[in-house]
PDB file of N, CA and C in Angstrom:
ATOM      1  N   UNK A   1      30.838 -45.895  76.008  1.00  0.00           N
ATOM      2  CA  UNK A   1      31.228 -47.121  76.649  1.00  0.00           C
ATOM      3  C   UNK A   1      30.109 -47.629  77.555  1.00  0.00           C
ATOM      4  N   UNK A   2      29.456 -46.731  78.276  1.00  0.00           N
ATOM      5  CA  UNK A   2      28.360 -47.180  79.163  1.00  0.00           C
ATOM      6  C   UNK A   2      27.212 -47.802  78.365  1.00  0.00           C
ATOM      7  N   UNK A   3      26.912 -47.233  77.200  1.00  0.00           N
ATOM      8  CA  UNK A   3      25.844 -47.799  76.371  1.00  0.00           C
ATOM      9  C   UNK A   3      26.230 -49.198  75.893  1.00  0.00           C
ATOM     10  N   UNK A   4      27.486 -49.383  75.502  1.00  0.00           N
ATOM     11  CA  UNK A   4      27.942 -50.703  75.080  1.00  0.00           C
ATOM     12  C   UNK A   4      27.958 -51.682  76.247  1.00  0.00           C
ATOM     13  N   UNK A   5      28.299 -51.196  77.415  1.00  0.00           N
ATOM     14  CA  UNK A   5      28.279 -52.056  78.595  1.00  0.00           C
ATOM     15  C   UNK A   5      26.855 -52.544  78.872  1.00  0.00           C
ATOM     16  N   UNK A   6      25.882 -51.646  78.784  1.00  0.00           N
ATOM     17  CA  UNK A   6      24.483 -52.032  79.003  1.00  0.00           C
ATOM     18  C   UNK A   6      24.022 -53.022  77.941  1.00  0.00           C
ATOM     19  N   UNK A   7      24.439 -52.791  76.722  1.00  0.00           N
ATOM     20  CA  UNK A   7      24.047 -53.666  75.606  1.00  0.00           C
ATOM     21  C   UNK A   7      24.675 -55.053  75.701  1.00  0.00           C
ATOM     22  N   UNK A   8      25.968 -55.105  76.003  1.00  0.00           N
ATOM     23  CA  UNK A   8      26.708 -56.355  75.937  1.00  0.00           C
ATOM     24  C   UNK A   8      26.914 -57.036  77.285  1.00  0.00           C
ATOM     25  N   UNK A   9      26.696 -56.302  78.373  1.00  0.00           N
ATOM     26  CA  UNK A   9      26.773 -56.884  79.709  1.00  0.00           C
ATOM     27  C   UNK A   9      28.166 -57.289  80.153  1.00  0.00           C
ATOM     28  N   UNK A  10      29.169 -56.515  79.839  1.00  0.00           N
ATOM     29  CA  UNK A  10      30.529 -56.833  80.267  1.00  0.00           C
ATOM     30  C   UNK A  10      30.889 -55.996  81.492  1.00  0.00           C
ATOM     31  N   UNK A  11      31.823 -56.482  82.316  1.00  0.00           N
ATOM     32  CA  UNK A  11      32.277 -55.672  83.453  1.00  0.00           C
ATOM     33  C   UNK A  11      33.163 -54.535  82.947  1.00  0.00           C
ATOM     34  N   UNK A  12      33.049 -53.390  83.574  1.00  0.00           N
ATOM     35  CA  UNK A  12      33.825 -52.224  83.171  1.00  0.00           C
ATOM     36  C   UNK A  12      34.531 -51.672  84.390  1.00  0.00           C
ATOM     37  N   UNK A  13      35.824 -51.447  84.248  1.00  0.00           N
ATOM     38  CA  UNK A  13      36.604 -50.846  85.326  1.00  0.00           C
ATOM     39  C   UNK A  13      37.325 -49.637  84.747  1.00  0.00           C
ATOM     40  N   UNK A  14      36.998 -48.473  85.263  1.00  0.00           N
ATOM     41  CA  UNK A  14      37.668 -47.249  84.857  1.00  0.00           C
ATOM     42  C   UNK A  14      38.787 -46.969  85.839  1.00  0.00           C
ATOM     43  N   UNK A  15      39.938 -46.568  85.327  1.00  0.00           N
ATOM     44  CA  UNK A  15      41.091 -46.289  86.167  1.00  0.00           C
ATOM     45  C   UNK A  15      41.549 -44.863  85.905  1.00  0.00           C
ATOM     46  N   UNK A  16      41.601 -44.083  86.965  1.00  0.00           N
ATOM     47  CA  UNK A  16      42.125 -42.727  86.884  1.00  0.00           C
ATOM     48  C   UNK A  16      43.613 -42.811  87.182  1.00  0.00           C
ATOM     49  N   UNK A  17      44.445 -42.481  86.198  1.00  0.00           N
ATOM     50  CA  UNK A  17      45.886 -42.612  86.371  1.00  0.00           C
ATOM     51  C   UNK A  17      46.522 -41.377  86.996  1.00  0.00           C
ATOM     52  N   UNK A  18      45.724 -40.345  87.205  1.00  0.00           N
ATOM     53  CA  UNK A  18      46.241 -39.094  87.746  1.00  0.00           C
ATOM     54  C   UNK A  18      46.917 -39.323  89.091  1.00  0.00           C
ATOM     55  N   UNK A  19      48.131 -38.865  89.196  1.00  0.00           N
ATOM     56  CA  UNK A  19      48.843 -38.947  90.454  1.00  0.00           C
ATOM     57  C   UNK A  19      49.569 -40.252  90.708  1.00  0.00           C
ATOM     58  N   UNK A  20      49.461 -41.209  89.789  1.00  0.00           N
ATOM     59  CA  UNK A  20      50.169 -42.474  89.936  1.00  0.00           C
ATOM     60  C   UNK A  20      51.294 -42.493  88.902  1.00  0.00           C
ATOM     61  N   UNK A  21      52.518 -42.215  89.313  1.00  0.00           N
ATOM     62  CA  UNK A  21      53.624 -42.091  88.358  1.00  0.00           C
ATOM     63  C   UNK A  21      53.814 -43.319  87.461  1.00  0.00           C
ATOM     64  N   UNK A  22      53.640 -44.505  88.009  1.00  0.00           N
ATOM     65  CA  UNK A  22      53.821 -45.720  87.204  1.00  0.00           C
ATOM     66  C   UNK A  22      52.757 -45.824  86.115  1.00  0.00           C
ATOM     67  N   UNK A  23      51.500 -45.593  86.492  1.00  0.00           N
ATOM     68  CA  UNK A  23      50.421 -45.662  85.501  1.00  0.00           C
ATOM     69  C   UNK A  23      50.537 -44.535  84.479  1.00  0.00           C
ATOM     70  N   UNK A  24      50.896 -43.345  84.934  1.00  0.00           N
ATOM     71  CA  UNK A  24      51.062 -42.231  83.996  1.00  0.00           C
ATOM     72  C   UNK A  24      52.167 -42.533  82.995  1.00  0.00           C
ATOM     73  N   UNK A  25      53.268 -43.107  83.448  1.00  0.00           N
ATOM     74  CA  UNK A  25      54.365 -43.444  82.549  1.00  0.00           C
ATOM     75  C   UNK A  25      53.942 -44.504  81.531  1.00  0.00           C
ATOM     76  N   UNK A  26      53.136 -45.453  81.960  1.00  0.00           N
ATOM     77  CA  UNK A  26      52.720 -46.545  81.077  1.00  0.00           C
ATOM     78  C   UNK A  26      51.629 -46.144  80.096  1.00  0.00           C
ATOM     79  N   UNK A  27      50.686 -45.290  80.518  1.00  0.00           N
ATOM     80  CA  UNK A  27      49.488 -45.050  79.715  1.00  0.00           C
ATOM     81  C   UNK A  27      49.312 -43.643  79.166  1.00  0.00           C
ATOM     82  N   UNK A  28      49.990 -42.653  79.685  1.00  0.00           N
ATOM     83  CA  UNK A  28      49.714 -41.254  79.332  1.00  0.00           C
ATOM     84  C   UNK A  28      49.642 -41.032  77.823  1.00  0.00           C
ATOM     85  N   UNK A  29      50.585 -41.552  77.067  1.00  0.00           N
ATOM     86  CA  UNK A  29      50.602 -41.289  75.623  1.00  0.00           C
ATOM     87  C   UNK A  29      49.511 -42.045  74.858  1.00  0.00           C
ATOM     88  N   UNK A  30      48.862 -42.984  75.490  1.00  0.00           N
ATOM     89  CA  UNK A  30      47.863 -43.811  74.802  1.00  0.00           C
ATOM     90  C   UNK A  30      46.416 -43.419  75.114  1.00  0.00           C
ATOM     91  N   UNK A  31      46.188 -42.495  76.001  1.00  0.00           N
ATOM     92  CA  UNK A  31      44.828 -42.182  76.462  1.00  0.00           C
ATOM     93  C   UNK A  31      43.939 -41.626  75.364  1.00  0.00           C
ATOM     94  N   UNK A  32      42.691 -41.994  75.360  1.00  0.00           N
ATOM     95  CA  UNK A  32      42.127 -43.069  76.178  1.00  0.00           C
ATOM     96  C   UNK A  32      42.542 -44.434  75.627  1.00  0.00           C
ATOM     97  N   UNK A  33      42.589 -45.397  76.508  1.00  0.00           N
ATOM     98  CA  UNK A  33      42.970 -46.751  76.133  1.00  0.00           C
ATOM     99  C   UNK A  33      41.938 -47.724  76.692  1.00  0.00           C
ATOM    100  N   UNK A  34      41.638 -48.760  75.908  1.00  0.00           N
ATOM    101  CA  UNK A  34      40.714 -49.808  76.340  1.00  0.00           C
ATOM    102  C   UNK A  34      41.459 -51.131  76.283  1.00  0.00           C
ATOM    103  N   UNK A  35      41.469 -51.813  77.410  1.00  0.00           N
ATOM    104  CA  UNK A  35      42.053 -53.141  77.477  1.00  0.00           C
ATOM    105  C   UNK A  35      40.945 -54.144  77.707  1.00  0.00           C
ATOM    106  N   UNK A  36      41.086 -55.301  77.112  1.00  0.00           N
ATOM    107  CA  UNK A  36      40.148 -56.403  77.334  1.00  0.00           C
ATOM    108  C   UNK A  36      40.974 -57.583  77.810  1.00  0.00           C
ATOM    109  N   UNK A  37      40.661 -58.076  78.985  1.00  0.00           N
ATOM    110  CA  UNK A  37      41.403 -59.174  79.617  1.00  0.00           C
ATOM    111  C   UNK A  37      42.901 -58.874  79.675  1.00  0.00           C
ATOM    112  N   UNK A  38      43.236 -57.622  80.014  1.00  0.00           N
ATOM    113  CA  UNK A  38      44.624 -57.242  80.180  1.00  0.00           C
ATOM    114  C   UNK A  38      45.389 -56.977  78.896  1.00  0.00           C
ATOM    115  N   UNK A  39      44.722 -57.050  77.770  1.00  0.00           N
ATOM    116  CA  UNK A  39      45.361 -56.826  76.462  1.00  0.00           C
ATOM    117  C   UNK A  39      44.869 -55.501  75.887  1.00  0.00           C
ATOM    118  N   UNK A  40      45.793 -54.631  75.538  1.00  0.00           N
ATOM    119  CA  UNK A  40      45.426 -53.345  74.950  1.00  0.00           C
ATOM    120  C   UNK A  40      44.788 -53.593  73.588  1.00  0.00           C
ATOM    121  N   UNK A  41      43.521 -53.137  73.446  1.00  0.00           N
ATOM    122  CA  UNK A  41      42.792 -53.382  72.198  1.00  0.00           C
ATOM    123  C   UNK A  41      42.489 -52.112  71.417  1.00  0.00           C
ATOM    124  N   UNK A  42      42.271 -50.987  72.123  1.00  0.00           N
ATOM    125  CA  UNK A  42      41.921 -49.739  71.449  1.00  0.00           C
ATOM    126  C   UNK A  42      42.638 -48.579  72.123  1.00  0.00           C
ATOM    127  N   UNK A  43      43.138 -47.662  71.311  1.00  0.00           N
ATOM    128  CA  UNK A  43      43.718 -46.429  71.810  1.00  0.00           C
ATOM    129  C   UNK A  43      43.163 -45.276  71.003  1.00  0.00           C
ATOM    130  N   UNK A  44      43.004 -44.162  71.658  1.00  0.00           N
ATOM    131  CA  UNK A  44      42.523 -42.910  71.055  1.00  0.00           C
ATOM    132  C   UNK A  44      41.046 -42.950  70.668  1.00  0.00           C
ATOM    133  N   UNK A  45      40.647 -43.978  69.906  1.00  0.00           N
ATOM    134  CA  UNK A  45      39.259 -44.073  69.425  1.00  0.00           C
ATOM    135  C   UNK A  45      38.777 -45.517  69.573  1.00  0.00           C
ATOM    136  N   UNK A  46      37.501 -45.656  69.809  1.00  0.00           N
ATOM    137  CA  UNK A  46      36.895 -46.973  69.936  1.00  0.00           C
ATOM    138  C   UNK A  46      36.077 -47.254  68.678  1.00  0.00           C
ATOM    139  N   UNK A  47      36.420 -48.305  67.975  1.00  0.00           N
ATOM    140  CA  UNK A  47      35.624 -48.737  66.824  1.00  0.00           C
ATOM    141  C   UNK A  47      34.562 -49.705  67.357  1.00  0.00           C
ATOM    142  N   UNK A  48      33.314 -49.290  67.271  1.00  0.00           N
ATOM    143  CA  UNK A  48      32.228 -50.024  67.930  1.00  0.00           C
ATOM    144  C   UNK A  48      32.112 -51.456  67.421  1.00  0.00           C
ATOM    145  N   UNK A  49      32.118 -51.657  66.117  1.00  0.00           N
ATOM    146  CA  UNK A  49      31.980 -53.011  65.575  1.00  0.00           C
ATOM    147  C   UNK A  49      33.141 -53.892  66.018  1.00  0.00           C
ATOM    148  N   UNK A  50      34.342 -53.368  65.981  1.00  0.00           N
ATOM    149  CA  UNK A  50      35.519 -54.123  66.415  1.00  0.00           C
ATOM    150  C   UNK A  50      35.463 -54.410  67.911  1.00  0.00           C
ATOM    151  N   UNK A  51      34.935 -53.463  68.681  1.00  0.00           N
ATOM    152  CA  UNK A  51      34.800 -53.674  70.121  1.00  0.00           C
ATOM    153  C   UNK A  51      33.825 -54.807  70.397  1.00  0.00           C
ATOM    154  N   UNK A  52      32.701 -54.813  69.709  1.00  0.00           N
ATOM    155  CA  UNK A  52      31.724 -55.906  69.899  1.00  0.00           C
ATOM    156  C   UNK A  52      32.372 -57.256  69.601  1.00  0.00           C
ATOM    157  N   UNK A  53      33.143 -57.318  68.521  1.00  0.00           N
ATOM    158  CA  UNK A  53      33.829 -58.566  68.159  1.00  0.00           C
ATOM    159  C   UNK A  53      34.842 -58.963  69.230  1.00  0.00           C
ATOM    160  N   UNK A  54      35.581 -58.001  69.754  1.00  0.00           N
ATOM    161  CA  UNK A  54      36.583 -58.283  70.778  1.00  0.00           C
ATOM    162  C   UNK A  54      35.932 -58.813  72.054  1.00  0.00           C
ATOM    163  N   UNK A  55      34.803 -58.242  72.440  1.00  0.00           N
ATOM    164  CA  UNK A  55      34.090 -58.720  73.631  1.00  0.00           C
ATOM    165  C   UNK A  55      33.588 -60.150  73.399  1.00  0.00           C
ATOM    166  N   UNK A  56      33.042 -60.401  72.227  1.00  0.00           N
ATOM    167  CA  UNK A  56      32.553 -61.748  71.914  1.00  0.00           C
ATOM    168  C   UNK A  56      33.709 -62.755  71.922  1.00  0.00           C
ATOM    169  N   UNK A  57      34.850 -62.362  71.374  1.00  0.00           N
ATOM    170  CA  UNK A  57      36.016 -63.239  71.356  1.00  0.00           C
ATOM    171  C   UNK A  57      36.505 -63.512  72.771  1.00  0.00           C
ATOM    172  N   UNK A  58      36.545 -62.492  73.614  1.00  0.00           N
ATOM    173  CA  UNK A  58      36.992 -62.666  74.996  1.00  0.00           C
ATOM    174  C   UNK A  58      36.067 -63.633  75.739  1.00  0.00           C
ATOM    175  N   UNK A  59      34.789 -63.546  75.470  1.00  0.00           N
ATOM    176  CA  UNK A  59      33.847 -64.460  76.119  1.00  0.00           C
ATOM    177  C   UNK A  59      34.069 -65.892  75.647  1.00  0.00           C
ATOM    178  N   UNK A  60      34.305 -66.059  74.350  1.00  0.00           N
ATOM    179  CA  UNK A  60      34.521 -67.385  73.792  1.00  0.00           C
ATOM    180  C   UNK A  60      35.804 -68.018  74.323  1.00  0.00           C
ATOM    181  N   UNK A  61      36.808 -67.175  74.559  1.00  0.00           N
ATOM    182  CA  UNK A  61      38.105 -67.653  75.037  1.00  0.00           C
ATOM    183  C   UNK A  61      38.105 -67.997  76.523  1.00  0.00           C
ATOM    184  N   UNK A  62      37.122 -67.495  77.267  1.00  0.00           N
ATOM    185  CA  UNK A  62      37.146 -67.749  78.715  1.00  0.00           C
ATOM    186  C   UNK A  62      36.321 -68.935  79.118  1.00  0.00           C
TER     187      UNK A  62
END
C-alpha cells in the first residue's frame, strides 16, 4: 500500500480497530479492508490494477 501511495499520491489513513468494540464489530470479519471515499472496495486481498482504477475513478468523481 505504501508503494502505491508513493506512486499514485493518494492520502492514506490506517485505522487500528483494536480495543474499539464498534469498529471491531463492523470490520473484524473483513480485515484487511480498503475503503476509498468511505466505500468498501477491497477485502482480504488488494488487486493492484483494480486499485489503480478505483483511485483514478475517485479522483474523477471529486
